[in-house]
Amino acid sequence: MHIIIAKVDEIYFDGEADSVTVPGAAGEMTVLAEHMPLITTLKSGSIILRVAGEVKEFPIDGGVLEVRRDGATVVL
């Protein structure tokens, strides 16, 4: 699935990933391909991406997650 992690003026990640785990406002959640669409706020913590067997971690102070059937966007 296609994942974008960005601030207004900077893109941290823009590419394909197997999953993304985020610190959602109601608790940690993992998004996989074809996940039900949703929008939620994020709290401080780390975003964990699984990309081709590798793990990438992005510390955050909060943000918004939008999930679509074809991917997800995190705006910090």
PDB file of N, CA and C in Angstrom:
ATOM      1  N   MET A   1       0.845  -1.170   0.000  1.00  0.00           N
ATOM      2  CA  MET A   1       0.000   0.000   0.000  1.00  0.00           C
ATOM      3  C   MET A   1       0.894   1.238   0.000  1.00  0.00           C
ATOM      4  N   HIS A   2       0.366   2.325  -0.499  1.00  0.00           N
ATOM      5  CA  HIS A   2       1.152   3.556  -0.606  1.00  0.00           C
ATOM      6  C   HIS A   2       1.000   4.376   0.678  1.00  0.00           C
ATOM      7  N   ILE A   3       2.136   4.755   1.263  1.00  0.00           N
ATOM      8  CA  ILE A   3       2.144   5.528   2.508  1.00  0.00           C
ATOM      9  C   ILE A   3       2.868   6.848   2.280  1.00  0.00           C
ATOM     10  N   ILE A   4       2.284   7.927   2.790  1.00  0.00           N
ATOM     11  CA  ILE A   4       2.938   9.233   2.792  1.00  0.00           C
ATOM     12  C   ILE A   4       2.972   9.718   4.234  1.00  0.00           C
ATOM     13  N   ILE A   5       4.159  10.120   4.693  1.00  0.00           N
ATOM     14  CA  ILE A   5       4.320  10.746   6.008  1.00  0.00           C
ATOM     15  C   ILE A   5       4.950  12.101   5.735  1.00  0.00           C
ATOM     16  N   ALA A   6       4.239  13.198   6.095  1.00  0.00           N
ATOM     17  CA  ALA A   6       4.721  14.520   5.713  1.00  0.00           C
ATOM     18  C   ALA A   6       4.303  15.606   6.694  1.00  0.00           C
ATOM     19  N   LYS A   7       5.103  16.665   6.698  1.00  0.00           N
ATOM     20  CA  LYS A   7       4.722  17.940   7.293  1.00  0.00           C
ATOM     21  C   LYS A   7       4.344  18.838   6.121  1.00  0.00           C
ATOM     22  N   VAL A   8       3.864  20.008   6.403  1.00  0.00           N
ATOM     23  CA  VAL A   8       3.465  20.921   5.333  1.00  0.00           C
ATOM     24  C   VAL A   8       4.622  21.189   4.373  1.00  0.00           C
ATOM     25  N   ASP A   9       5.825  21.321   4.898  1.00  0.00           N
ATOM     26  CA  ASP A   9       6.979  21.704   4.074  1.00  0.00           C
ATOM     27  C   ASP A   9       8.030  20.608   3.893  1.00  0.00           C
ATOM     28  N   GLU A  10       7.746  19.371   4.331  1.00  0.00           N
ATOM     29  CA  GLU A  10       8.748  18.308   4.253  1.00  0.00           C
ATOM     30  C   GLU A  10       8.083  16.934   4.163  1.00  0.00           C
ATOM     31  N   ILE A  11       8.610  16.087   3.278  1.00  0.00           N
ATOM     32  CA  ILE A  11       8.110  14.712   3.160  1.00  0.00           C
ATOM     33  C   ILE A  11       9.132  13.781   3.799  1.00  0.00           C
ATOM     34  N   TYR A  12       8.685  12.986   4.795  1.00  0.00           N
ATOM     35  CA  TYR A  12       9.565  12.043   5.486  1.00  0.00           C
ATOM     36  C   TYR A  12       9.587  10.685   4.783  1.00  0.00           C
ATOM     37  N   PHE A  13       8.451  10.283   4.210  1.00  0.00           N
ATOM     38  CA  PHE A  13       8.370   9.007   3.515  1.00  0.00           C
ATOM     39  C   PHE A  13       7.261   9.092   2.484  1.00  0.00           C
ATOM     40  N   ASP A  14       7.530   8.574   1.293  1.00  0.00           N
ATOM     41  CA  ASP A  14       6.526   8.515   0.230  1.00  0.00           C
ATOM     42  C   ASP A  14       6.841   7.276  -0.593  1.00  0.00           C
ATOM     43  N   GLY A  15       6.128   6.177  -0.299  1.00  0.00           N
ATOM     44  CA  GLY A  15       6.417   4.943  -1.008  1.00  0.00           C
ATOM     45  C   GLY A  15       5.530   3.801  -0.559  1.00  0.00           C
ATOM     46  N   GLU A  16       5.891   2.606  -0.995  1.00  0.00           N
ATOM     47  CA  GLU A  16       5.125   1.405  -0.686  1.00  0.00           C
ATOM     48  C   GLU A  16       5.586   0.801   0.644  1.00  0.00           C
ATOM     49  N   ALA A  17       4.643   0.290   1.417  1.00  0.00           N
ATOM     50  CA  ALA A  17       4.942  -0.354   2.697  1.00  0.00           C
ATOM     51  C   ALA A  17       3.976  -1.522   2.898  1.00  0.00           C
ATOM     52  N   ASP A  18       4.407  -2.486   3.702  1.00  0.00           N
ATOM     53  CA  ASP A  18       3.556  -3.633   4.023  1.00  0.00           C
ATOM     54  C   ASP A  18       2.543  -3.287   5.105  1.00  0.00           C
ATOM     55  N   SER A  19       2.961  -2.434   6.058  1.00  0.00           N
ATOM     56  CA  SER A  19       2.058  -2.009   7.130  1.00  0.00           C
ATOM     57  C   SER A  19       2.597  -0.736   7.756  1.00  0.00           C
ATOM     58  N   VAL A  20       1.723  -0.045   8.463  1.00  0.00           N
ATOM     59  CA  VAL A  20       2.115   1.131   9.239  1.00  0.00           C
ATOM     60  C   VAL A  20       1.414   1.036  10.592  1.00  0.00           C
ATOM     61  N   THR A  21       2.193   1.230  11.660  1.00  0.00           N
ATOM     62  CA  THR A  21       1.653   1.224  13.020  1.00  0.00           C
ATOM     63  C   THR A  21       1.807   2.627  13.580  1.00  0.00           C
ATOM     64  N   VAL A  22       0.714   3.166  14.126  1.00  0.00           N
ATOM     65  CA  VAL A  22       0.706   4.550  14.599  1.00  0.00           C
ATOM     66  C   VAL A  22       0.163   4.626  16.026  1.00  0.00           C
ATOM     67  N   PRO A  23       0.571   5.687  16.760  1.00  0.00           N
ATOM     68  CA  PRO A  23       0.012   5.912  18.100  1.00  0.00           C
ATOM     69  C   PRO A  23      -1.300   6.690  18.000  1.00  0.00           C
ATOM     70  N   GLY A  24      -2.384   5.996  17.745  1.00  0.00           N
ATOM     71  CA  GLY A  24      -3.684   6.641  17.610  1.00  0.00           C
ATOM     72  C   GLY A  24      -4.155   7.250  18.922  1.00  0.00           C
ATOM     73  N   ALA A  25      -5.066   8.193  18.832  1.00  0.00           N
ATOM     74  CA  ALA A  25      -5.592   8.861  20.019  1.00  0.00           C
ATOM     75  C   ALA A  25      -6.234   7.869  20.981  1.00  0.00           C
ATOM     76  N   ALA A  26      -6.822   6.785  20.450  1.00  0.00           N
ATOM     77  CA  ALA A  26      -7.475   5.781  21.291  1.00  0.00           C
ATOM     78  C   ALA A  26      -6.587   4.562  21.545  1.00  0.00           C
ATOM     79  N   GLY A  27      -5.325   4.621  21.092  1.00  0.00           N
ATOM     80  CA  GLY A  27      -4.400   3.510  21.286  1.00  0.00           C
ATOM     81  C   GLY A  27      -3.665   3.177  19.998  1.00  0.00           C
ATOM     82  N   GLU A  28      -2.658   2.338  20.132  1.00  0.00           N
ATOM     83  CA  GLU A  28      -1.851   1.953  18.969  1.00  0.00           C
ATOM     84  C   GLU A  28      -2.690   1.164  17.975  1.00  0.00           C
ATOM     85  N   MET A  29      -2.482   1.434  16.678  1.00  0.00           N
ATOM     86  CA  MET A  29      -3.206   0.700  15.648  1.00  0.00           C
ATOM     87  C   MET A  29      -2.290   0.421  14.467  1.00  0.00           C
ATOM     88  N   THR A  30      -2.502  -0.723  13.832  1.00  0.00           N
ATOM     89  CA  THR A  30      -1.742  -1.115  12.651  1.00  0.00           C
ATOM     90  C   THR A  30      -2.677  -1.135  11.452  1.00  0.00           C
ATOM     91  N   VAL A  31      -2.220  -0.525  10.371  1.00  0.00           N
ATOM     92  CA  VAL A  31      -2.993  -0.455   9.135  1.00  0.00           C
ATOM     93  C   VAL A  31      -2.314  -1.331   8.093  1.00  0.00           C
ATOM     94  N   LEU A  32      -3.106  -2.204   7.477  1.00  0.00           N
ATOM     95  CA  LEU A  32      -2.644  -3.075   6.396  1.00  0.00           C
ATOM     96  C   LEU A  32      -3.358  -2.683   5.109  1.00  0.00           C
ATOM     97  N   ALA A  33      -2.928  -3.243   3.997  1.00  0.00           N
ATOM     98  CA  ALA A  33      -3.568  -2.956   2.709  1.00  0.00           C
ATOM     99  C   ALA A  33      -5.064  -3.246   2.772  1.00  0.00           C
ATOM    100  N   GLU A  34      -5.842  -2.430   2.084  1.00  0.00           N
ATOM    101  CA  GLU A  34      -7.298  -2.562   1.983  1.00  0.00           C
ATOM    102  C   GLU A  34      -8.019  -2.369   3.312  1.00  0.00           C
ATOM    103  N   HIS A  35      -7.389  -1.625   4.228  1.00  0.00           N
ATOM    104  CA  HIS A  35      -8.015  -1.298   5.515  1.00  0.00           C
ATOM    105  C   HIS A  35      -9.239  -0.424   5.268  1.00  0.00           C
ATOM    106  N   MET A  36     -10.207  -0.532   6.140  1.00  0.00           N
ATOM    107  CA  MET A  36     -11.398   0.305   6.062  1.00  0.00           C
ATOM    108  C   MET A  36     -10.984   1.783   6.151  1.00  0.00           C
ATOM    109  N   PRO A  37     -11.527   2.661   5.312  1.00  0.00           N
ATOM    110  CA  PRO A  37     -11.185   4.079   5.373  1.00  0.00           C
ATOM    111  C   PRO A  37     -11.519   4.680   6.735  1.00  0.00           C
ATOM    112  N   LEU A  38     -10.633   5.561   7.206  1.00  0.00           N
ATOM    113  CA  LEU A  38     -10.863   6.263   8.469  1.00  0.00           C
ATOM    114  C   LEU A  38      -9.963   7.472   8.562  1.00  0.00           C
ATOM    115  N   ILE A  39     -10.304   8.369   9.463  1.00  0.00           N
ATOM    116  CA  ILE A  39      -9.472   9.517   9.809  1.00  0.00           C
ATOM    117  C   ILE A  39      -9.415   9.563  11.325  1.00  0.00           C
ATOM    118  N   THR A  40      -8.186   9.735  11.877  1.00  0.00           N
ATOM    119  CA  THR A  40      -8.031   9.807  13.329  1.00  0.00           C
ATOM    120  C   THR A  40      -6.862  10.717  13.679  1.00  0.00           C
ATOM    121  N   THR A  41      -6.901  11.245  14.880  1.00  0.00           N
ATOM    122  CA  THR A  41      -5.766  12.029  15.366  1.00  0.00           C
ATOM    123  C   THR A  41      -4.727  11.083  15.958  1.00  0.00           C
ATOM    124  N   LEU A  42      -3.490  11.554  16.004  1.00  0.00           N
ATOM    125  CA  LEU A  42      -2.391  10.785  16.562  1.00  0.00           C
ATOM    126  C   LEU A  42      -1.804  11.521  17.746  1.00  0.00           C
ATOM    127  N   LYS A  43      -1.304  10.747  18.713  1.00  0.00           N
ATOM    128  CA  LYS A  43      -0.639  11.344  19.863  1.00  0.00           C
ATOM    129  C   LYS A  43       0.870  11.154  19.723  1.00  0.00           C
ATOM    130  N   SER A  44       1.634  11.671  20.654  1.00  0.00           N
ATOM    131  CA  SER A  44       3.091  11.520  20.632  1.00  0.00           C
ATOM    132  C   SER A  44       3.474  10.053  20.698  1.00  0.00           C
ATOM    133  N   GLY A  45       4.531   9.707  19.988  1.00  0.00           N
ATOM    134  CA  GLY A  45       5.018   8.333  19.952  1.00  0.00           C
ATOM    135  C   GLY A  45       5.844   8.120  18.705  1.00  0.00           C
ATOM    136  N   SER A  46       5.735   6.941  18.130  1.00  0.00           N
ATOM    137  CA  SER A  46       6.490   6.622  16.921  1.00  0.00           C
ATOM    138  C   SER A  46       5.597   5.953  15.888  1.00  0.00           C
ATOM    139  N   ILE A  47       5.847   6.298  14.627  1.00  0.00           N
ATOM    140  CA  ILE A  47       5.238   5.597  13.511  1.00  0.00           C
ATOM    141  C   ILE A  47       6.214   4.500  13.113  1.00  0.00           C
ATOM    142  N   ILE A  48       5.716   3.282  12.981  1.00  0.00           N
ATOM    143  CA  ILE A  48       6.546   2.146  12.583  1.00  0.00           C
ATOM    144  C   ILE A  48       6.074   1.673  11.211  1.00  0.00           C
ATOM    145  N   LEU A  49       6.967   1.740  10.225  1.00  0.00           N
ATOM    146  CA  LEU A  49       6.677   1.235   8.885  1.00  0.00           C
ATOM    147  C   LEU A  49       7.403  -0.075   8.670  1.00  0.00           C
ATOM    148  N   ARG A  50       6.737  -1.025   8.056  1.00  0.00           N
ATOM    149  CA  ARG A  50       7.381  -2.276   7.644  1.00  0.00           C
ATOM    150  C   ARG A  50       7.436  -2.249   6.125  1.00  0.00           C
ATOM    151  N   VAL A  51       8.688  -2.196   5.624  1.00  0.00           N
ATOM    152  CA  VAL A  51       8.927  -2.051   4.191  1.00  0.00           C
ATOM    153  C   VAL A  51       9.871  -3.156   3.737  1.00  0.00           C
ATOM    154  N   ALA A  52       9.356  -4.100   2.970  1.00  0.00           N
ATOM    155  CA  ALA A  52      10.175  -5.184   2.399  1.00  0.00           C
ATOM    156  C   ALA A  52      11.074  -5.842   3.442  1.00  0.00           C
ATOM    157  N   GLY A  53      10.509  -6.191   4.588  1.00  0.00           N
ATOM    158  CA  GLY A  53      11.264  -6.876   5.632  1.00  0.00           C
ATOM    159  C   GLY A  53      12.059  -5.977   6.549  1.00  0.00           C
ATOM    160  N   GLU A  54      12.125  -4.683   6.262  1.00  0.00           N
ATOM    161  CA  GLU A  54      12.833  -3.722   7.113  1.00  0.00           C
ATOM    162  C   GLU A  54      11.820  -2.936   7.938  1.00  0.00           C
ATOM    163  N   VAL A  55      12.298  -2.415   9.072  1.00  0.00           N
ATOM    164  CA  VAL A  55      11.465  -1.577   9.922  1.00  0.00           C
ATOM    165  C   VAL A  55      12.035  -0.166   9.922  1.00  0.00           C
ATOM    166  N   LYS A  56      11.174   0.814   9.648  1.00  0.00           N
ATOM    167  CA  LYS A  56      11.568   2.225   9.694  1.00  0.00           C
ATOM    168  C   LYS A  56      10.731   2.890  10.777  1.00  0.00           C
ATOM    169  N   GLU A  57      11.379   3.714  11.592  1.00  0.00           N
ATOM    170  CA  GLU A  57      10.692   4.355  12.713  1.00  0.00           C
ATOM    171  C   GLU A  57      10.792   5.868  12.591  1.00  0.00           C
ATOM    172  N   PHE A  58       9.668   6.554  12.827  1.00  0.00           N
ATOM    173  CA  PHE A  58       9.594   7.999  12.762  1.00  0.00           C
ATOM    174  C   PHE A  58       8.965   8.525  14.048  1.00  0.00           C
ATOM    175  N   PRO A  59       9.747   9.164  14.944  1.00  0.00           N
ATOM    176  CA  PRO A  59       9.154   9.741  16.154  1.00  0.00           C
ATOM    177  C   PRO A  59       8.261  10.935  15.794  1.00  0.00           C
ATOM    178  N   ILE A  60       7.111  11.046  16.462  1.00  0.00           N
ATOM    179  CA  ILE A  60       6.189  12.151  16.183  1.00  0.00           C
ATOM    180  C   ILE A  60       5.689  12.766  17.489  1.00  0.00           C
ATOM    181  N   ASP A  61       5.177  13.998  17.375  1.00  0.00           N
ATOM    182  CA  ASP A  61       4.575  14.690  18.517  1.00  0.00           C
ATOM    183  C   ASP A  61       3.060  14.768  18.386  1.00  0.00           C
ATOM    184  N   GLY A  62       2.508  14.131  17.371  1.00  0.00           N
ATOM    185  CA  GLY A  62       1.070  14.166  17.117  1.00  0.00           C
ATOM    186  C   GLY A  62       0.844  14.375  15.631  1.00  0.00           C
ATOM    187  N   GLY A  63      -0.406  14.303  15.217  1.00  0.00           N
ATOM    188  CA  GLY A  63      -0.732  14.491  13.814  1.00  0.00           C
ATOM    189  C   GLY A  63      -2.089  13.925  13.490  1.00  0.00           C
ATOM    190  N   VAL A  64      -2.320  13.701  12.195  1.00  0.00           N
ATOM    191  CA  VAL A  64      -3.587  13.169  11.701  1.00  0.00           C
ATOM    192  C   VAL A  64      -3.279  12.047  10.712  1.00  0.00           C
ATOM    193  N   LEU A  65      -4.028  10.963  10.810  1.00  0.00           N
ATOM    194  CA  LEU A  65      -3.904   9.831   9.893  1.00  0.00           C
ATOM    195  C   LEU A  65      -5.176   9.723   9.070  1.00  0.00           C
ATOM    196  N   GLU A  66      -5.017   9.651   7.741  1.00  0.00           N
ATOM    197  CA  GLU A  66      -6.132   9.370   6.843  1.00  0.00           C
ATOM    198  C   GLU A  66      -5.826   8.048   6.152  1.00  0.00           C
ATOM    199  N   VAL A  67      -6.739   7.090   6.264  1.00  0.00           N
ATOM    200  CA  VAL A  67      -6.567   5.788   5.631  1.00  0.00           C
ATOM    201  C   VAL A  67      -7.577   5.668   4.495  1.00  0.00           C
ATOM    202  N   ARG A  68      -7.080   5.238   3.331  1.00  0.00           N
ATOM    203  CA  ARG A  68      -7.912   4.952   2.167  1.00  0.00           C
ATOM    204  C   ARG A  68      -7.711   3.488   1.809  1.00  0.00           C
ATOM    205  N   ARG A  69      -8.517   2.948   0.963  1.00  0.00           N
ATOM    206  CA  ARG A  69      -8.360   1.538   0.555  1.00  0.00           C
ATOM    207  C   ARG A  69      -7.002   1.281  -0.090  1.00  0.00           C
ATOM    208  N   ASP A  70      -6.440   2.284  -0.772  1.00  0.00           N
ATOM    209  CA  ASP A  70      -5.176   2.092  -1.487  1.00  0.00           C
ATOM    210  C   ASP A  70      -3.948   2.562  -0.709  1.00  0.00           C
ATOM    211  N   GLY A  71      -4.120   3.071   0.505  1.00  0.00           N
ATOM    212  CA  GLY A  71      -2.967   3.543   1.275  1.00  0.00           C
ATOM    213  C   GLY A  71      -3.360   4.468   2.399  1.00  0.00           C
ATOM    214  N   ALA A  72      -2.368   5.205   2.898  1.00  0.00           N
ATOM    215  CA  ALA A  72      -2.613   6.084   4.043  1.00  0.00           C
ATOM    216  C   ALA A  72      -1.691   7.295   3.971  1.00  0.00           C
ATOM    217  N   THR A  73      -2.154   8.393   4.562  1.00  0.00           N
ATOM    218  CA  THR A  73      -1.368   9.620   4.651  1.00  0.00           C
ATOM    219  C   THR A  73      -1.343  10.063   6.100  1.00  0.00           C
ATOM    220  N   VAL A  74      -0.122  10.402   6.588  1.00  0.00           N
ATOM    221  CA  VAL A  74       0.028  10.964   7.919  1.00  0.00           C
ATOM    222  C   VAL A  74       0.515  12.390   7.737  1.00  0.00           C
ATOM    223  N   VAL A  75      -0.220  13.351   8.308  1.00  0.00           N
ATOM    224  CA  VAL A  75       0.178  14.754   8.286  1.00  0.00           C
ATOM    225  C   VAL A  75       0.572  15.138   9.713  1.00  0.00           C
ATOM    226  N   LEU A  76       1.808  15.611   9.837  1.00  0.00           N
ATOM    227  CA  LEU A  76       2.338  15.949  11.162  1.00  0.00           C
ATOM    228  C   LEU A  76       2.278  17.447  11.407  1.00  0.00           C
TER     229      LEU A  76
END
